[in-house]
Amino acid sequence: MAKNTICIWYDRDAEEAARFYATVFPDSHVKAVHRAPADFPSGKAGDVLTVDFTVAGIPCMGLNGGPAFQQSEAFSFQISTEDQEETDRYWNAIVGNGGRESACGWCKDKWGVNWQITPRALTEAIAAGGDEAKRAFEAMMEMGKIDVAKIEAARRG
């Protein structure tokens, strides 16, 4: 077990979510599914309680904790992409599987987990500072899914 693991609360679909992430993102897999040894507040003995999985190299544990807590934008996975094709692939996988779009490269999967699909071109433009960063940032503020060509055009002015 990793020294530090992200624990993500799900109502009851931790295994489904983990298996979906494993099909979408490289360096992702489901390691183990653990069943409850006894009844618990949101389930019965034998129900899936936790799932150990990895998302893009980050160890995670999904906890089927029930409806008591919901996901929020206070936590998100930020996935760096190399180009528009990769950006589109991840965005479309999340949004097209029952998720929904948000602004500035953010989207939410059908389990409520938030994702930032962030092209390298955007990160580099903002890191450049000055007018270049300002133009790229202002262009980003008008977007849902990030459009790499528009970010690169904004960088150039």
Foldseek 3Di string as FASTA:
>chain_A
DDPDAAEAEFQQCQVVVQCLLQVQAPPKDWDDWDFACAADPRGGGRGTAWTWMAHNRGTYIYGNPRDPDADDPVDAAEAEDAAPVSLCSNVCSQVVQCKAWDALQWIAHNRGHIYRYHYPLLVVQCVVDDQSNVQLVVQRRPGTRDDSVSNVVSSVD
